[in-house]
Amino acid sequence: MENYYLCIDMDAKLTYKKAGIYLVVIFLYYLWFQAFYNMVAFDSIYPYGNLSQALTGFAYNFFPILALFCLNALIVFNLSRRIKLIGLKIVVDLVLSMMATAVVNLVFLGVQTWCFHREGHVDWAGTLLSDTLILLLNEMAYFIMHYRESKFREEQQRHLATRMQYDMLKMQVNPHFLFNSLNILYSLTSIDVEKSREFILSLSQMYRYILSQQQTQRVKVKEELAFLQSYIDVLSIRYHDCFFVDITGQTEANSQEVIPYCLQLLIENITKHNAIRTQCPMHVSIEVASDSIIVSNPIHPKINAEHEASSGTGLRYLTELYNRYGRQFVAQKVDDRFVAIVPYL
């Protein structure tokens, strides 16, 4: 409830701010147009004999202009806002604006006749010109605001889509990773109890990281590398020291950000699609560069690889997620190596 009232208060402040800016625009427009009209009609910007005449002229001409601004704002921002065709909207706005000018002029004539008991006078050409300029200003403000709102909605939709894609990635990665980890643990318990304990310790560190990143969409490189090291320790136990990862590069890039789990997913991909054994050890290279992280490995295809279904879910979602951020994730074969380039966010 407290947040609700806070939002209302912020909306009210924003409305007051817009109203204040609009009044300033009206006042500046009046000063400019009155000076322009005085030059055309009297060959002088200040044709008044004294301050009293100037104030009387201000009161006489400002309120019709204020009325035209308010009526045009009502027309542009409310009455015709549901019209989708831009050309049709402008035509409707122009017709309604001319009608509003006629109404303001007639009311002005009536006020002069009934309240001041004198013959009314209105410069129809001047008021039509002024109304056209006022309509143009309101149309510009409307289309600028409409453009900004469209960009904001587009950004919100992009953010929502990114969040949905990221959640889908986590749903794909986490259960699969847990399933593999339990299989590894099961195989280790009958081989080496001490290594099983080391495995459990590394696994607990990894899942502590996974739980801490459940609500985040980006993480520091140094944190991702620390998590990756725990995963590498697990794989070293699993593959009996036939799996090696060499991490090199710039330490200053550790403050950059990437999508969580992206490096772990790439390493997992390597173990999934390559044969790793004593006769064919796997040496993975990870280079932390100034603008990206480059992960590469030799291709040692499994003998029964053709029988294994590969959905490519992880790489596909990484590609789409980075596209949402306006970054390009690259994963491709280069000669006899597989190279993945993870850009910073």
Protein backbone atom coordinates (compact mmCIF):
# COMPACT_ATOMS: atom_id res chain seq x y z
CA MET A 1 0.00 0.00 0.00
CA GLU A 2 2.90 2.33 0.80
CA ASN A 3 4.41 1.68 -2.64
CA TYR A 4 1.01 2.37 -4.21
CA TYR A 5 0.80 5.83 -2.66
CA LEU A 6 4.42 6.48 -3.59
CA CYS A 7 3.61 5.72 -7.25
CA ILE A 8 0.59 8.06 -7.12
CA ASP A 9 2.74 10.81 -5.61
CA MET A 10 5.39 10.36 -8.33
CA ASP A 11 2.72 10.43 -11.08
CA ALA A 12 1.25 13.61 -9.59
CA LYS A 13 4.67 15.29 -9.49
CA LEU A 14 5.26 14.30 -13.11
CA THR A 15 1.86 15.71 -14.13
CA TYR A 16 2.56 19.00 -12.33
CA LYS A 17 5.95 19.20 -14.00
CA LYS A 18 4.42 18.71 -17.47
CA ALA A 19 1.74 21.31 -16.72
CA GLY A 20 4.38 23.78 -15.56
CA ILE A 21 6.46 23.24 -18.71
CA TYR A 22 3.33 23.67 -20.85
CA LEU A 23 2.49 26.99 -19.17
CA VAL A 24 6.03 28.24 -19.73
CA VAL A 25 5.76 27.29 -23.43
CA ILE A 26 2.44 29.16 -23.68
CA PHE A 27 3.91 32.27 -22.08
CA LEU A 28 7.01 32.25 -24.31
CA TYR A 29 4.86 31.66 -27.38
CA TYR A 30 2.62 34.58 -26.42
CA LEU A 31 5.59 36.93 -26.04
CA TRP A 32 6.98 35.85 -29.42
CA PHE A 33 3.68 36.01 -31.29
CA GLN A 34 2.68 39.35 -29.75
CA ALA A 35 6.05 40.82 -30.73
CA PHE A 36 5.64 39.40 -34.25
CA TYR A 37 2.09 40.78 -34.52
CA ASN A 38 3.18 44.21 -33.23
CA MET A 39 5.93 44.37 -35.86
CA VAL A 40 3.48 43.53 -38.64
CA ALA A 41 0.70 45.82 -37.44
CA PHE A 42 2.60 48.73 -35.87
CA ASP A 43 6.23 48.39 -37.11
CA SER A 44 7.35 48.18 -33.50
CA ILE A 45 7.84 45.38 -30.99
CA TYR A 46 6.67 47.67 -28.15
CA PRO A 47 4.01 50.04 -29.49
CA TYR A 48 2.59 50.88 -26.05
CA GLY A 49 2.64 54.37 -24.58
CA ASN A 50 3.10 53.21 -21.00
CA LEU A 51 3.20 50.13 -18.77
CA SER A 52 -0.54 50.28 -18.13
CA GLN A 53 -1.27 49.91 -21.85
CA ALA A 54 1.18 47.04 -22.10
CA LEU A 55 -0.49 45.18 -19.20
CA THR A 56 -3.94 45.84 -20.67
CA GLY A 57 -2.78 44.48 -24.03
CA PHE A 58 -1.34 41.42 -22.28
CA ALA A 59 -4.63 40.71 -20.47
CA TYR A 60 -6.57 41.38 -23.67
CA ASN A 61 -4.61 38.94 -25.87
CA PHE A 62 -3.08 36.33 -23.55
CA PHE A 63 -6.27 34.57 -22.46
CA PRO A 64 -7.51 33.82 -26.01
CA ILE A 65 -4.11 32.29 -26.79
CA LEU A 66 -4.27 30.31 -23.53
CA ALA A 67 -7.72 29.06 -24.52
CA LEU A 68 -6.46 28.04 -27.99
CA PHE A 69 -3.54 26.14 -26.46
CA CYS A 70 -5.82 24.26 -24.05
CA LEU A 71 -8.39 23.42 -26.72
CA ASN A 72 -5.72 22.25 -29.18
CA ALA A 73 -4.13 20.12 -26.48
CA LEU A 74 -7.55 18.59 -25.77
CA ILE A 75 -8.04 17.86 -29.48
CA VAL A 76 -4.58 16.47 -30.21
CA PHE A 77 -3.98 14.45 -27.03
CA ASN A 78 -7.53 13.24 -26.31
CA LEU A 79 -10.24 13.65 -28.93
CA SER A 80 -8.32 12.24 -31.92
CA ARG A 81 -5.72 10.05 -30.22
CA ARG A 82 -7.53 6.81 -31.17
CA ILE A 83 -7.20 7.56 -34.88
CA LYS A 84 -4.43 5.25 -36.14
CA LEU A 85 -3.84 6.80 -39.56
CA ILE A 86 -1.49 9.76 -39.12
CA GLY A 87 -2.77 11.64 -42.16
CA LEU A 88 -6.39 11.29 -41.08
CA LYS A 89 -5.56 12.36 -37.54
CA ILE A 90 -3.87 15.54 -38.76
CA VAL A 91 -6.87 16.41 -40.98
CA VAL A 92 -9.32 15.83 -38.11
CA ASP A 93 -7.12 17.87 -35.75
CA LEU A 94 -6.99 20.73 -38.25
CA VAL A 95 -10.78 20.82 -38.75
CA LEU A 96 -11.48 20.66 -35.01
CA SER A 97 -8.81 23.28 -34.35
CA MET A 98 -10.40 25.71 -36.85
CA MET A 99 -13.76 25.15 -35.18
CA ALA A 100 -12.16 25.81 -31.78
CA THR A 101 -10.69 29.07 -33.14
CA ALA A 102 -14.12 30.18 -34.31
CA VAL A 103 -15.63 29.39 -30.89
CA VAL A 104 -12.87 31.28 -29.03
CA ASN A 105 -13.24 34.30 -31.32
CA LEU A 106 -17.03 34.37 -30.92
CA VAL A 107 -16.73 34.08 -27.13
CA PHE A 108 -14.12 36.85 -27.20
CA LEU A 109 -16.46 39.08 -29.20
CA GLY A 110 -19.28 38.35 -26.77
CA VAL A 111 -17.13 39.19 -23.75
CA GLN A 112 -16.15 42.52 -25.34
CA THR A 113 -19.78 43.36 -26.16
CA TRP A 114 -21.52 42.19 -23.00
CA CYS A 115 -18.87 42.78 -20.33
CA PHE A 116 -17.06 45.87 -21.61
CA HIS A 117 -20.04 47.34 -23.51
CA ARG A 118 -18.09 48.15 -26.62
CA GLU A 119 -18.05 46.97 -30.20
CA GLY A 120 -16.04 43.79 -30.41
CA HIS A 121 -13.16 43.30 -32.78
CA VAL A 122 -11.21 40.17 -33.71
CA ASP A 123 -8.35 39.84 -36.19
CA TRP A 124 -9.50 36.60 -37.81
CA ALA A 125 -6.42 36.25 -40.02
CA GLY A 126 -4.10 36.74 -37.04
CA THR A 127 -6.00 34.29 -34.85
CA LEU A 128 -6.08 31.65 -37.62
CA LEU A 129 -2.32 32.01 -38.10
CA SER A 130 -1.76 31.79 -34.37
CA ASP A 131 -4.03 28.75 -34.11
CA THR A 132 -2.15 26.99 -36.93
CA LEU A 133 1.15 27.54 -35.14
CA ILE A 134 -0.32 26.39 -31.82
CA LEU A 135 -1.73 23.26 -33.49
CA LEU A 136 1.68 22.58 -35.04
CA LEU A 137 3.38 22.85 -31.63
CA ASN A 138 0.87 20.47 -30.07
CA GLU A 139 1.20 17.98 -32.93
CA MET A 140 4.98 18.02 -32.57
CA ALA A 141 4.69 17.46 -28.82
CA TYR A 142 2.20 14.62 -29.41
CA PHE A 143 4.34 12.77 -31.95
CA ILE A 144 7.50 13.21 -29.86
CA MET A 145 5.68 11.85 -26.82
CA HIS A 146 4.12 9.04 -28.88
CA TYR A 147 7.56 8.10 -30.23
CA ARG A 148 9.10 8.05 -26.76
CA GLU A 149 6.24 5.95 -25.38
CA SER A 150 6.57 3.52 -28.29
CA LYS A 151 10.31 3.17 -27.66
CA PHE A 152 9.64 2.68 -23.94
CA ARG A 153 7.03 -0.03 -24.61
CA GLU A 154 9.38 -1.68 -27.10
CA GLU A 155 12.16 -1.68 -24.51
CA GLN A 156 9.79 -3.09 -21.89
CA GLN A 157 8.72 -5.87 -24.26
CA ARG A 158 12.35 -6.60 -25.10
CA HIS A 159 13.18 -6.77 -21.40
CA LEU A 160 10.24 -9.10 -20.76
CA ALA A 161 11.22 -11.32 -23.67
CA THR A 162 14.81 -11.44 -22.41
CA ARG A 163 13.62 -12.42 -18.96
CA MET A 164 11.40 -15.16 -20.38
CA GLN A 165 14.20 -16.49 -22.56
CA TYR A 166 16.58 -16.47 -19.61
CA ASP A 167 14.10 -18.33 -17.41
CA MET A 168 13.63 -20.91 -20.15
CA LEU A 169 17.41 -21.32 -20.37
CA LYS A 170 17.66 -21.91 -16.63
CA MET A 171 14.85 -24.46 -16.78
CA GLN A 172 16.78 -26.29 -19.49
CA VAL A 173 20.24 -26.05 -17.90
CA ASN A 174 19.63 -26.61 -14.19
CA PRO A 175 17.75 -29.97 -14.27
CA HIS A 176 20.09 -31.31 -16.92
CA PHE A 177 23.12 -30.27 -14.91
CA LEU A 178 21.73 -31.80 -11.70
CA PHE A 179 20.97 -35.06 -13.51
CA ASN A 180 24.54 -35.29 -14.84
CA SER A 181 26.02 -34.39 -11.45
CA LEU A 182 24.09 -37.11 -9.67
CA ASN A 183 25.21 -39.65 -12.27
CA ILE A 184 28.83 -38.62 -11.70
CA LEU A 185 28.43 -38.83 -7.94
CA TYR A 186 26.87 -42.27 -8.22
CA SER A 187 29.78 -43.56 -10.29
CA LEU A 188 32.36 -42.04 -7.93
CA THR A 189 30.96 -43.53 -4.72
CA SER A 190 31.97 -47.01 -5.84
CA ILE A 191 35.43 -45.91 -7.01
CA ASP A 192 36.93 -43.36 -4.62
CA VAL A 193 35.30 -42.19 -1.40
CA GLU A 194 37.75 -39.31 -0.91
CA LYS A 195 37.11 -37.97 -4.40
CA SER A 196 33.39 -38.37 -3.77
CA ARG A 197 33.74 -36.01 -0.80
CA GLU A 198 35.68 -33.51 -2.89
CA PHE A 199 33.03 -33.80 -5.55
CA ILE A 200 30.24 -33.13 -3.09
CA LEU A 201 32.09 -30.07 -1.73
CA SER A 202 32.61 -28.63 -5.23
CA LEU A 203 29.01 -29.44 -6.12
CA SER A 204 27.71 -27.63 -3.03
CA GLN A 205 29.77 -24.55 -3.93
CA MET A 206 28.35 -24.62 -7.44
CA TYR A 207 24.75 -24.86 -6.27
CA ARG A 208 25.30 -22.09 -3.76
CA TYR A 209 26.26 -19.93 -6.73
CA ILE A 210 23.30 -21.16 -8.80
CA LEU A 211 20.85 -20.32 -6.01
CA SER A 212 22.40 -16.89 -5.49
CA GLN A 213 21.96 -16.07 -9.18
CA GLN A 214 18.34 -17.18 -9.52
CA GLN A 215 17.00 -13.63 -9.87
CA THR A 216 19.91 -12.07 -11.78
CA GLN A 217 20.32 -11.72 -15.53
CA ARG A 218 23.95 -10.61 -15.59
CA VAL A 219 26.98 -11.40 -13.46
CA LYS A 220 30.57 -10.24 -13.11
CA VAL A 221 33.14 -12.22 -15.09
CA LYS A 222 35.18 -12.92 -11.96
CA GLU A 223 32.12 -14.48 -10.26
CA GLU A 224 31.32 -16.60 -13.31
CA LEU A 225 34.95 -17.77 -13.49
CA ALA A 226 34.93 -18.69 -9.79
CA PHE A 227 31.81 -20.77 -10.37
CA LEU A 228 33.37 -22.30 -13.45
CA GLN A 229 36.44 -23.36 -11.48
CA SER A 230 34.24 -25.41 -9.16
CA TYR A 231 32.67 -27.04 -12.19
CA ILE A 232 36.11 -27.77 -13.69
CA ASP A 233 37.13 -29.42 -10.39
CA VAL A 234 34.08 -31.63 -10.67
CA LEU A 235 34.91 -32.60 -14.24
CA SER A 236 38.54 -33.31 -13.35
CA ILE A 237 37.32 -35.84 -10.81
CA ARG A 238 34.79 -37.25 -13.21
CA TYR A 239 37.31 -37.76 -16.04
CA HIS A 240 40.22 -38.91 -13.87
CA ASP A 241 42.56 -36.02 -14.76
CA CYS A 242 41.89 -36.25 -18.49
CA PHE A 243 40.12 -32.86 -18.59
CA PHE A 244 42.16 -29.64 -18.48
CA VAL A 245 41.12 -25.99 -18.74
CA ASP A 246 43.65 -23.21 -19.25
CA ILE A 247 42.28 -19.75 -18.33
CA THR A 248 44.33 -16.77 -19.51
CA GLY A 249 43.76 -13.13 -20.26
CA GLN A 250 43.22 -9.73 -18.80
CA THR A 251 42.39 -9.48 -15.12
CA GLU A 252 40.90 -5.99 -15.60
CA ALA A 253 38.10 -7.59 -17.64
CA ASN A 254 36.87 -9.32 -14.47
CA SER A 255 34.61 -6.33 -13.79
CA GLN A 256 32.77 -6.90 -17.09
CA GLU A 257 29.45 -8.75 -17.09
CA VAL A 258 28.09 -11.84 -18.86
CA ILE A 259 24.96 -13.98 -18.70
CA PRO A 260 25.10 -16.36 -15.70
CA TYR A 261 26.01 -20.01 -16.41
CA CYS A 262 27.11 -19.22 -19.97
CA LEU A 263 30.68 -20.54 -19.49
CA GLN A 264 29.51 -23.60 -17.58
CA LEU A 265 27.08 -24.37 -20.39
CA LEU A 266 29.86 -24.16 -22.98
CA ILE A 267 32.12 -26.47 -20.97
CA GLU A 268 29.24 -28.89 -20.50
CA ASN A 269 28.72 -28.83 -24.28
CA ILE A 270 32.34 -29.88 -24.75
CA THR A 271 31.95 -32.89 -22.47
CA LYS A 272 28.69 -33.84 -24.15
CA HIS A 273 29.96 -33.93 -27.73
CA ASN A 274 33.59 -35.03 -27.37
CA ALA A 275 35.38 -38.19 -26.37
CA ILE A 276 37.45 -37.63 -23.21
CA ARG A 277 39.73 -40.44 -22.07
CA THR A 278 43.34 -41.20 -21.24
CA GLN A 279 44.27 -41.73 -24.89
CA CYS A 280 42.44 -38.57 -25.89
CA PRO A 281 42.56 -35.92 -23.12
CA MET A 282 40.64 -32.69 -23.54
CA HIS A 283 42.51 -29.38 -23.32
CA VAL A 284 40.15 -26.38 -23.26
CA SER A 285 41.40 -22.83 -23.70
CA ILE A 286 39.55 -19.86 -22.17
CA GLU A 287 40.91 -16.43 -23.04
CA VAL A 288 39.52 -13.43 -21.16
CA ALA A 289 39.92 -10.68 -23.77
CA SER A 290 39.12 -6.96 -23.55
CA ASP A 291 35.74 -7.26 -25.29
CA SER A 292 34.78 -10.93 -24.94
CA ILE A 293 35.65 -14.36 -23.59
CA ILE A 294 36.89 -16.88 -26.15
CA VAL A 295 36.36 -20.57 -25.38
CA SER A 296 37.97 -23.08 -27.75
CA ASN A 297 38.60 -26.81 -27.74
CA PRO A 298 39.84 -29.50 -30.14
CA ILE A 299 37.09 -31.60 -31.71
CA HIS A 300 37.25 -35.26 -30.61
CA PRO A 301 33.88 -36.61 -31.73
CA LYS A 302 32.47 -39.57 -29.87
CA ILE A 303 32.30 -42.83 -31.81
CA ASN A 304 28.60 -43.17 -31.16
CA ALA A 305 27.93 -39.44 -31.58
CA GLU A 306 25.57 -40.11 -34.46
CA HIS A 307 23.27 -41.92 -32.05
CA GLU A 308 23.09 -39.03 -29.60
CA ALA A 309 20.37 -36.47 -30.04
CA SER A 310 21.63 -32.90 -29.82
CA SER A 311 18.93 -30.26 -29.47
CA GLY A 312 21.38 -27.34 -29.37
CA THR A 313 19.11 -25.71 -26.78
CA GLY A 314 21.88 -24.07 -24.76
CA LEU A 315 23.72 -22.50 -27.69
CA ARG A 316 20.46 -21.39 -29.30
CA TYR A 317 19.21 -19.66 -26.18
CA LEU A 318 22.58 -18.04 -25.53
CA THR A 319 22.48 -16.66 -29.07
CA GLU A 320 18.95 -15.31 -28.59
CA LEU A 321 19.65 -13.88 -25.15
CA TYR A 322 22.72 -12.00 -26.32
CA ASN A 323 20.76 -10.75 -29.35
CA ARG A 324 18.26 -9.25 -26.91
CA TYR A 325 21.10 -7.25 -25.39
CA GLY A 326 22.28 -6.19 -28.84
CA ARG A 327 25.36 -8.42 -28.60
CA GLN A 328 26.46 -11.24 -30.90
CA PHE A 329 27.27 -14.63 -29.42
CA VAL A 330 29.31 -16.76 -31.84
CA ALA A 331 29.77 -20.55 -31.77
CA GLN A 332 31.36 -22.23 -34.78
CA LYS A 333 33.89 -24.76 -36.02
CA VAL A 334 37.26 -23.33 -37.05
CA ASP A 335 39.43 -25.99 -38.73
CA ASP A 336 39.69 -28.82 -36.20
CA ARG A 337 38.55 -26.73 -33.20
CA PHE A 338 35.23 -25.50 -31.87
CA VAL A 339 35.28 -21.81 -30.88
CA ALA A 340 32.70 -19.86 -28.89
CA ILE A 341 32.93 -16.11 -28.41
CA VAL A 342 31.02 -14.74 -25.42
CA PRO A 343 30.64 -10.93 -25.63
CA TYR A 344 30.39 -8.73 -22.56
CA LEU A 345 27.03 -7.13 -21.81
